[in-house]
């Protein structure tokens, strides 16, 4: 602790509502060699300096207490509850995200760390826990570790710990365990034909617009503007707590207007005429009770249809990759592809696009050859 300067009174930008004059606070060095700030505000510099004198007196006689001591005694379970309440850059966490986080906490994190003080968890402890964490499910392993690491990044920001004990490089990232499968035009036609009539449009929209499954299932009659051939993507459907929930989109960029071709518009018009109730908030894809269809129902029909097409590895989400690939193959600018897919970053759109072998051959055939005719000295002789 610097002996010549133990603390100071500082003027704040905040003002006293009663007088309009600036408020004052106190900043000082504690016996723990850390800089502290008195949480109280004072109406004058004189009052702030008097408070500083009292604090220095407590430090001198050993009665001083750290104003951050309640946080210092926080357990990992308490940290988890605080972390759950934090908004993200996109706003409050969705109910589905909170449900998934709480399930991971209850199953994997709190049994190991819950009763421990945040500051008592060591890198060695985390490393031992991680070594036996979800060995057969790498994606879940990465997500659970990422949750604990996120909690400790927050703890570091609010000075609960000087450095996070989560130090396994790349542990929150997992390489994809499957290769995306892009259905051929023939396979896609068979899948559409094999889907139940009320669900054929879901495949058409997925393959041509790249809508997320949750966005498809959240669509309502009022989102379809056939006068201008536009679909307004404003919501996403998630399922948690045993029920479907229609909420905001996955990201800010996911709120968008998708322009459709006349062919897609014809599909939309016929589907709405045959399968959609007349009120504005009627789901485009409804269950038997008139509510929004669950993903599990859509996926069950998809699994049967892809089997008919001989494409057992193709997933619904691969339709989104098919859209990205088609757009880039036909010369669409990357920023336009990003907007169509509702991605916040263009790198994600590139990640979704796949390289077709036929397209590679076509590009190489069109590329100018460099080097001229072969000239070897042995042949020339």
Protein backbone atom coordinates (compact mmCIF):
# COMPACT_ATOMS: atom_id res chain seq x y z
CA UNK A 1 0.00 0.00 0.00
CA UNK A 2 1.49 3.36 -0.98
CA UNK A 3 2.40 5.06 2.33
CA UNK A 4 2.15 8.63 1.00
CA UNK A 5 -1.37 8.32 -0.41
CA UNK A 6 -3.91 6.25 1.42
CA UNK A 7 -7.05 7.62 -0.20
CA UNK A 8 -8.82 10.55 -1.78
CA UNK A 9 -12.20 12.20 -2.15
CA UNK A 10 -13.53 12.20 -5.71
CA UNK A 11 -16.20 14.30 -7.37
CA UNK A 12 -18.90 12.33 -9.18
CA UNK A 13 -20.87 13.20 -12.28
CA UNK A 14 -24.05 12.41 -10.36
CA UNK A 15 -25.72 15.32 -8.58
CA UNK A 16 -27.74 15.74 -5.42
CA UNK A 17 -31.42 15.86 -6.44
CA UNK A 18 -32.14 18.34 -3.66
CA UNK A 19 -29.42 20.90 -4.40
CA UNK A 20 -28.24 20.09 -7.93
CA UNK A 21 -24.64 20.06 -6.71
CA UNK A 22 -22.16 17.25 -7.49
CA UNK A 23 -21.98 14.30 -5.13
CA UNK A 24 -18.70 12.99 -3.70
CA UNK A 25 -17.30 9.56 -2.97
CA UNK A 26 -14.15 8.07 -1.46
CA UNK A 27 -11.50 5.86 -3.02
CA UNK A 28 -8.75 4.35 -0.89
CA UNK A 29 -6.20 1.56 -0.49
CA UNK A 30 -7.18 -1.17 1.96
CA UNK A 31 -4.94 -3.36 4.09
CA UNK A 32 -5.31 -6.07 1.44
CA UNK A 33 -3.30 -3.89 -1.02
CA UNK A 34 -6.40 -3.45 -3.16
CA UNK A 35 -8.09 -0.23 -4.14
CA UNK A 36 -11.61 0.16 -2.77
CA UNK A 37 -14.45 2.59 -3.29
CA UNK A 38 -16.83 3.55 -0.53
CA UNK A 39 -20.35 2.65 -1.77
CA UNK A 40 -21.80 5.71 0.03
CA UNK A 41 -22.18 9.11 -1.64
CA UNK A 42 -21.61 12.45 0.15
CA UNK A 43 -23.02 15.92 -0.46
CA UNK A 44 -19.73 17.78 -0.06
CA UNK A 45 -16.00 17.29 -0.29
CA UNK A 46 -15.73 17.97 3.43
CA UNK A 47 -18.16 15.16 4.25
CA UNK A 48 -16.27 12.80 1.92
CA UNK A 49 -12.94 13.61 3.58
CA UNK A 50 -14.46 13.02 7.02
CA UNK A 51 -15.66 9.62 5.84
CA UNK A 52 -12.17 8.86 4.52
CA UNK A 53 -10.69 9.71 7.93
CA UNK A 54 -13.09 7.30 9.61
CA UNK A 55 -12.16 4.54 7.15
CA UNK A 56 -8.45 5.14 7.74
CA UNK A 57 -9.09 4.93 11.49
CA UNK A 58 -10.77 1.54 11.08
CA UNK A 59 -7.87 0.29 8.99
CA UNK A 60 -5.43 1.47 11.68
CA UNK A 61 -7.24 -0.26 14.58
CA UNK A 62 -8.05 -3.43 12.61
CA UNK A 63 -11.84 -3.05 12.56
CA UNK A 64 -12.12 -2.35 8.84
CA UNK A 65 -14.23 -4.78 6.78
CA UNK A 66 -14.05 -5.28 3.05
CA UNK A 67 -17.18 -3.76 1.43
CA UNK A 68 -16.99 -6.55 -1.15
CA UNK A 69 -16.88 -9.29 1.47
CA UNK A 70 -20.43 -10.61 0.76
CA UNK A 71 -19.43 -11.24 -2.85
CA UNK A 72 -16.15 -12.79 -1.81
CA UNK A 73 -18.14 -15.41 0.13
CA UNK A 74 -20.37 -16.23 -2.84
CA UNK A 75 -20.74 -19.89 -3.72
CA UNK A 76 -20.70 -21.26 -7.25
CA UNK A 77 -24.44 -22.00 -6.90
CA UNK A 78 -25.09 -18.35 -6.01
CA UNK A 79 -22.90 -17.22 -8.90
CA UNK A 80 -24.93 -19.42 -11.23
CA UNK A 81 -28.20 -17.78 -10.17
CA UNK A 82 -26.73 -14.31 -10.69
CA UNK A 83 -25.33 -15.30 -14.08
CA UNK A 84 -28.69 -16.66 -15.24
CA UNK A 85 -30.28 -13.26 -14.66
CA UNK A 86 -27.74 -11.38 -16.78
CA UNK A 87 -28.99 -10.17 -20.16
CA UNK A 88 -26.94 -10.98 -23.24
CA UNK A 89 -26.11 -8.66 -26.15
CA UNK A 90 -29.35 -9.87 -27.73
CA UNK A 91 -31.46 -9.17 -24.64
CA UNK A 92 -32.76 -11.41 -21.84
CA UNK A 93 -32.08 -15.12 -22.15
CA UNK A 94 -34.98 -17.07 -23.59
CA UNK A 95 -36.95 -19.55 -21.54
CA UNK A 96 -35.50 -22.41 -23.54
CA UNK A 97 -31.92 -21.24 -22.93
CA UNK A 98 -32.57 -20.83 -19.23
CA UNK A 99 -34.11 -24.30 -19.09
CA UNK A 100 -31.12 -25.85 -20.85
CA UNK A 101 -28.66 -23.99 -18.61
CA UNK A 102 -30.45 -25.03 -15.44
CA UNK A 103 -30.50 -28.65 -16.59
CA UNK A 104 -26.74 -28.56 -17.25
CA UNK A 105 -26.11 -26.90 -13.90
CA UNK A 106 -28.17 -29.44 -12.00
CA UNK A 107 -26.64 -32.45 -13.71
CA UNK A 108 -23.01 -31.55 -14.27
CA UNK A 109 -21.84 -28.37 -12.51
CA UNK A 110 -23.56 -27.91 -9.17
CA UNK A 111 -22.95 -31.45 -7.87
CA UNK A 112 -19.22 -30.79 -8.29
CA UNK A 113 -18.87 -27.10 -7.51
CA UNK A 114 -22.18 -25.79 -6.15
CA UNK A 115 -21.27 -25.55 -2.46
CA UNK A 116 -17.73 -24.34 -3.03
CA UNK A 117 -16.82 -20.69 -2.76
CA UNK A 118 -16.23 -19.12 -6.16
CA UNK A 119 -12.70 -18.11 -5.15
CA UNK A 120 -11.83 -21.62 -3.89
CA UNK A 121 -12.21 -23.43 -7.23
CA UNK A 122 -8.75 -24.05 -8.69
CA UNK A 123 -7.55 -24.78 -12.24
CA UNK A 124 -6.55 -28.27 -11.12
CA UNK A 125 -10.04 -28.92 -9.81
CA UNK A 126 -11.62 -27.78 -13.09
CA UNK A 127 -9.15 -29.85 -15.11
CA UNK A 128 -9.95 -33.01 -13.12
CA UNK A 129 -13.69 -32.42 -13.53
CA UNK A 130 -13.34 -31.74 -17.24
CA UNK A 131 -11.32 -34.92 -17.81
CA UNK A 132 -14.33 -37.04 -16.87
CA UNK A 133 -17.07 -34.75 -18.20
CA UNK A 134 -19.41 -36.29 -20.81
CA UNK A 135 -16.77 -38.42 -22.54
CA UNK A 136 -19.24 -39.87 -25.07
CA UNK A 137 -21.06 -36.63 -25.97
CA UNK A 138 -18.52 -34.02 -27.15
CA UNK A 139 -21.10 -31.39 -28.04
CA UNK A 140 -22.70 -31.53 -24.61
CA UNK A 141 -19.26 -31.55 -23.02
CA UNK A 142 -18.34 -28.35 -24.83
CA UNK A 143 -21.62 -26.66 -23.89
CA UNK A 144 -21.36 -27.56 -20.20
CA UNK A 145 -17.77 -26.38 -20.04
CA UNK A 146 -18.71 -23.20 -21.90
CA UNK A 147 -21.38 -22.47 -19.30
CA UNK A 148 -18.94 -22.81 -16.39
CA UNK A 149 -16.33 -20.76 -18.26
CA UNK A 150 -18.92 -18.04 -18.93
CA UNK A 151 -19.82 -17.92 -15.25
CA UNK A 152 -16.17 -17.45 -14.32
CA UNK A 153 -15.59 -14.79 -16.97
CA UNK A 154 -18.37 -12.87 -15.26
CA UNK A 155 -16.82 -13.56 -11.84
CA UNK A 156 -13.54 -12.18 -13.14
CA UNK A 157 -15.22 -9.03 -14.45
CA UNK A 158 -16.75 -8.26 -11.06
CA UNK A 159 -13.51 -9.06 -9.21
CA UNK A 160 -14.69 -12.21 -7.45
CA UNK A 161 -11.58 -13.97 -8.74
CA UNK A 162 -8.35 -12.49 -10.16
CA UNK A 163 -8.31 -15.08 -12.94
CA UNK A 164 -10.72 -17.76 -14.11
CA UNK A 165 -9.81 -21.36 -13.23
CA UNK A 166 -11.30 -22.51 -16.57
CA UNK A 167 -8.14 -22.69 -18.67
CA UNK A 168 -8.64 -25.64 -21.03
CA UNK A 169 -7.97 -24.24 -24.50
CA UNK A 170 -10.70 -24.90 -27.02
CA UNK A 171 -12.78 -26.85 -24.50
CA UNK A 172 -15.93 -24.86 -25.26
CA UNK A 173 -15.59 -25.57 -28.99
CA UNK A 174 -16.40 -28.82 -30.71
CA UNK A 175 -15.71 -29.77 -34.29
CA UNK A 176 -18.79 -31.02 -36.17
CA UNK A 177 -19.12 -34.78 -35.90
CA UNK A 178 -21.09 -35.14 -39.13
CA UNK A 179 -20.62 -33.95 -42.68
CA UNK A 180 -23.58 -31.89 -43.91
CA UNK A 181 -25.65 -33.68 -46.54
CA UNK A 182 -27.02 -31.62 -49.41
CA UNK A 183 -29.89 -33.46 -51.10
CA UNK A 184 -29.87 -33.63 -54.88
CA UNK A 185 -32.74 -32.19 -56.87
CA UNK A 186 -34.14 -35.70 -57.34
CA UNK A 187 -33.83 -36.55 -53.63
CA UNK A 188 -35.45 -33.26 -52.63
CA UNK A 189 -38.37 -33.91 -54.98
CA UNK A 190 -38.92 -37.36 -53.47
CA UNK A 191 -38.77 -35.92 -49.93
CA UNK A 192 -41.36 -33.24 -50.75
CA UNK A 193 -43.62 -35.83 -52.38
CA UNK A 194 -43.29 -38.15 -49.38
CA UNK A 195 -44.14 -35.48 -46.79
CA UNK A 196 -47.76 -35.18 -45.59
CA UNK A 197 -49.59 -32.54 -47.62
CA UNK A 198 -49.79 -29.99 -44.75
CA UNK A 199 -45.98 -30.20 -44.32
CA UNK A 200 -44.75 -30.17 -47.91
CA UNK A 201 -44.44 -26.37 -47.80
CA UNK A 202 -42.05 -26.57 -44.84
CA UNK A 203 -39.52 -28.40 -47.02
CA UNK A 204 -40.06 -26.01 -49.92
CA UNK A 205 -39.46 -22.96 -47.72
CA UNK A 206 -36.48 -24.58 -46.01
CA UNK A 207 -34.82 -25.45 -49.31
CA UNK A 208 -35.50 -22.10 -51.02
CA UNK A 209 -35.30 -19.55 -48.20
CA UNK A 210 -33.09 -21.30 -45.66
CA UNK A 211 -35.47 -20.62 -42.77
CA UNK A 212 -34.59 -22.18 -39.45
CA UNK A 213 -36.98 -24.90 -38.30
CA UNK A 214 -38.10 -22.73 -35.38
CA UNK A 215 -38.79 -19.84 -37.76
CA UNK A 216 -40.82 -22.08 -40.06
CA UNK A 217 -42.96 -23.41 -37.25
CA UNK A 218 -43.58 -19.94 -35.79
CA UNK A 219 -44.97 -18.49 -39.05
CA UNK A 220 -48.54 -17.22 -38.98
CA UNK A 221 -51.00 -16.18 -41.67
CA UNK A 222 -50.29 -12.50 -40.93
CA UNK A 223 -46.59 -13.02 -41.69
CA UNK A 224 -47.33 -13.84 -45.34
CA UNK A 225 -47.72 -10.88 -47.70
CA UNK A 226 -48.67 -12.40 -51.05
CA UNK A 227 -49.43 -8.97 -52.49
CA UNK A 228 -45.71 -8.22 -52.41
CA UNK A 229 -44.36 -11.81 -52.29
CA UNK A 230 -42.75 -11.30 -48.88
CA UNK A 231 -42.53 -13.41 -45.74
CA UNK A 232 -42.03 -11.43 -42.53
CA UNK A 233 -39.78 -13.43 -40.20
CA UNK A 234 -40.44 -12.07 -36.72
CA UNK A 235 -40.61 -15.04 -34.37
CA UNK A 236 -39.11 -18.38 -33.49
CA UNK A 237 -40.69 -21.43 -31.92
CA UNK A 238 -38.91 -23.28 -29.13
CA UNK A 239 -40.03 -26.07 -26.84
CA UNK A 240 -39.27 -26.27 -23.14
CA UNK A 241 -41.16 -27.22 -20.04
CA UNK A 242 -43.23 -29.66 -22.11
CA UNK A 243 -44.84 -26.91 -24.21
CA UNK A 244 -44.25 -24.92 -27.39
CA UNK A 245 -43.36 -21.25 -26.99
CA UNK A 246 -43.38 -18.62 -29.72
CA UNK A 247 -40.93 -15.86 -28.88
CA UNK A 248 -38.49 -13.48 -30.45
CA UNK A 249 -36.08 -14.56 -33.18
CA UNK A 250 -32.78 -16.26 -32.44
CA UNK A 251 -30.74 -13.11 -33.15
CA UNK A 252 -31.38 -9.49 -34.05
CA UNK A 253 -30.34 -10.27 -37.62
CA UNK A 254 -32.97 -13.02 -37.75
CA UNK A 255 -35.73 -10.40 -37.90
CA UNK A 256 -36.01 -9.95 -41.64
CA UNK A 257 -38.26 -9.85 -44.69
CA UNK A 258 -37.74 -12.75 -47.09
CA UNK A 259 -38.66 -12.07 -50.72
CA UNK A 260 -40.03 -15.13 -52.48
CA UNK A 261 -40.20 -16.14 -56.13
CA UNK A 262 -43.51 -16.55 -57.95
CA UNK A 263 -43.12 -20.33 -57.69
CA UNK A 264 -42.74 -20.15 -53.91
CA UNK A 265 -45.63 -17.69 -53.73
CA UNK A 266 -47.85 -20.20 -55.54
CA UNK A 267 -46.94 -22.86 -52.99
CA UNK A 268 -47.77 -20.41 -50.19
CA UNK A 269 -51.12 -19.40 -51.68
CA UNK A 270 -52.31 -22.98 -52.15
CA UNK A 271 -51.08 -24.07 -48.70
CA UNK A 272 -52.84 -21.15 -46.99
CA UNK A 273 -56.05 -21.84 -48.88
CA UNK A 274 -56.04 -25.54 -47.92
CA UNK A 275 -54.47 -25.76 -44.46
CA UNK A 276 -54.45 -22.40 -42.63
CA UNK A 277 -57.28 -21.08 -40.48
CA UNK A 278 -58.77 -17.70 -41.50
CA UNK A 279 -57.63 -15.61 -38.50
CA UNK A 280 -54.43 -13.53 -38.68
CA UNK A 281 -52.54 -15.37 -35.95
CA UNK A 282 -53.33 -18.83 -37.33
CA UNK A 283 -50.15 -20.95 -37.55
CA UNK A 284 -48.93 -21.73 -41.05
CA UNK A 285 -48.21 -25.26 -39.76
CA UNK A 286 -50.80 -26.24 -37.18
CA UNK A 287 -51.32 -29.26 -34.96
CA UNK A 288 -54.65 -31.00 -34.51
CA UNK A 289 -55.72 -28.47 -31.88
CA UNK A 290 -54.95 -25.47 -34.08
CA UNK A 291 -51.76 -24.54 -32.23
CA UNK A 292 -48.25 -24.38 -33.58
CA UNK A 293 -46.85 -27.72 -34.75
CA UNK A 294 -43.99 -29.16 -32.68
CA UNK A 295 -40.57 -29.75 -34.16
CA UNK A 296 -40.78 -33.41 -33.16
CA UNK A 297 -43.86 -33.88 -35.38
CA UNK A 298 -42.18 -32.18 -38.33
CA UNK A 299 -38.99 -34.18 -37.82
CA UNK A 300 -40.85 -37.51 -37.61
CA UNK A 301 -42.40 -36.86 -41.01
CA UNK A 302 -39.01 -35.73 -42.33
CA UNK A 303 -37.28 -38.93 -41.17
CA UNK A 304 -39.79 -41.06 -43.04
CA UNK A 305 -39.57 -38.93 -46.17
CA UNK A 306 -35.77 -38.88 -46.31
CA UNK A 307 -35.81 -42.67 -45.96
CA UNK A 308 -38.03 -42.87 -49.03
CA UNK A 309 -35.51 -40.69 -50.87
CA UNK A 310 -32.55 -42.87 -49.89
CA UNK A 311 -30.95 -39.97 -48.01
CA UNK A 312 -30.82 -41.22 -44.40
CA UNK A 313 -28.06 -38.76 -43.41
CA UNK A 314 -29.92 -35.64 -44.51
CA UNK A 315 -31.30 -33.46 -41.71
CA UNK A 316 -33.86 -30.67 -41.83
CA UNK A 317 -31.14 -28.15 -40.99
CA UNK A 318 -29.24 -29.25 -44.11
CA UNK A 319 -31.90 -27.42 -46.15
CA UNK A 320 -30.51 -24.21 -44.70
CA UNK A 321 -27.06 -25.20 -45.90
CA UNK A 322 -28.52 -26.06 -49.29
CA UNK A 323 -29.88 -22.51 -49.58
CA UNK A 324 -26.54 -20.96 -48.66
CA UNK A 325 -24.71 -23.15 -51.17
CA UNK A 326 -27.18 -22.45 -53.98
CA UNK A 327 -27.00 -18.70 -53.40
CA UNK A 328 -23.21 -18.54 -53.42
CA UNK A 329 -22.95 -20.92 -56.39
CA UNK A 330 -25.19 -18.56 -58.37
CA UNK A 331 -23.06 -15.53 -57.58
CA UNK A 332 -24.97 -13.92 -54.72
CA UNK A 333 -22.80 -11.49 -52.72
CA UNK A 334 -21.86 -12.80 -49.29
CA UNK A 335 -23.61 -9.90 -47.53
CA UNK A 336 -26.86 -10.74 -49.34
CA UNK A 337 -26.54 -14.40 -48.31
CA UNK A 338 -25.94 -13.27 -44.73
CA UNK A 339 -29.12 -11.16 -44.77
CA UNK A 340 -31.23 -13.93 -46.33
CA UNK A 341 -30.11 -16.48 -43.75
CA UNK A 342 -30.42 -14.02 -40.86
CA UNK A 343 -26.82 -14.40 -39.71
CA UNK A 344 -25.12 -11.76 -37.58
CA UNK A 345 -21.68 -12.58 -39.02
CA UNK A 346 -20.78 -13.29 -42.67
CA UNK A 347 -18.37 -16.01 -41.54
CA UNK A 348 -21.35 -18.05 -40.35
CA UNK A 349 -22.88 -17.89 -43.83
CA UNK A 350 -19.60 -19.14 -45.32
CA UNK A 351 -19.58 -21.92 -42.72
CA UNK A 352 -23.02 -23.04 -43.89
CA UNK A 353 -22.09 -23.16 -47.57
CA UNK A 354 -20.76 -26.46 -48.91
CA UNK A 355 -18.49 -27.10 -51.88
CA UNK A 356 -20.10 -29.34 -54.49
CA UNK A 357 -17.77 -31.65 -56.43
CA UNK A 358 -19.59 -30.89 -59.68
CA UNK A 359 -19.31 -27.16 -59.10
CA UNK A 360 -15.59 -27.49 -58.37
CA UNK A 361 -15.09 -29.32 -61.67
CA UNK A 362 -17.11 -26.67 -63.51
CA UNK A 363 -15.08 -23.84 -62.00
CA UNK A 364 -11.76 -25.53 -62.77
CA UNK A 365 -12.84 -26.22 -66.37
CA UNK A 366 -13.63 -22.53 -66.84
CA UNK A 367 -10.36 -21.35 -65.27
CA UNK A 368 -7.73 -20.14 -67.78
CA UNK A 369 -4.75 -22.48 -68.09
CA UNK A 370 -1.37 -21.00 -67.24
CA UNK A 371 1.89 -22.43 -68.60
CA UNK A 372 1.44 -23.11 -72.32
CA UNK A 373 2.23 -26.44 -74.02
CA UNK A 374 4.56 -28.94 -72.28
CA UNK A 375 8.16 -28.40 -73.30
CA UNK A 376 10.59 -31.04 -72.05
CA UNK A 377 14.17 -31.11 -73.20
CA UNK A 378 14.12 -34.89 -73.71
CA UNK A 379 11.12 -34.71 -76.08
CA UNK A 380 12.56 -31.72 -77.92
CA UNK A 381 15.73 -33.70 -78.74
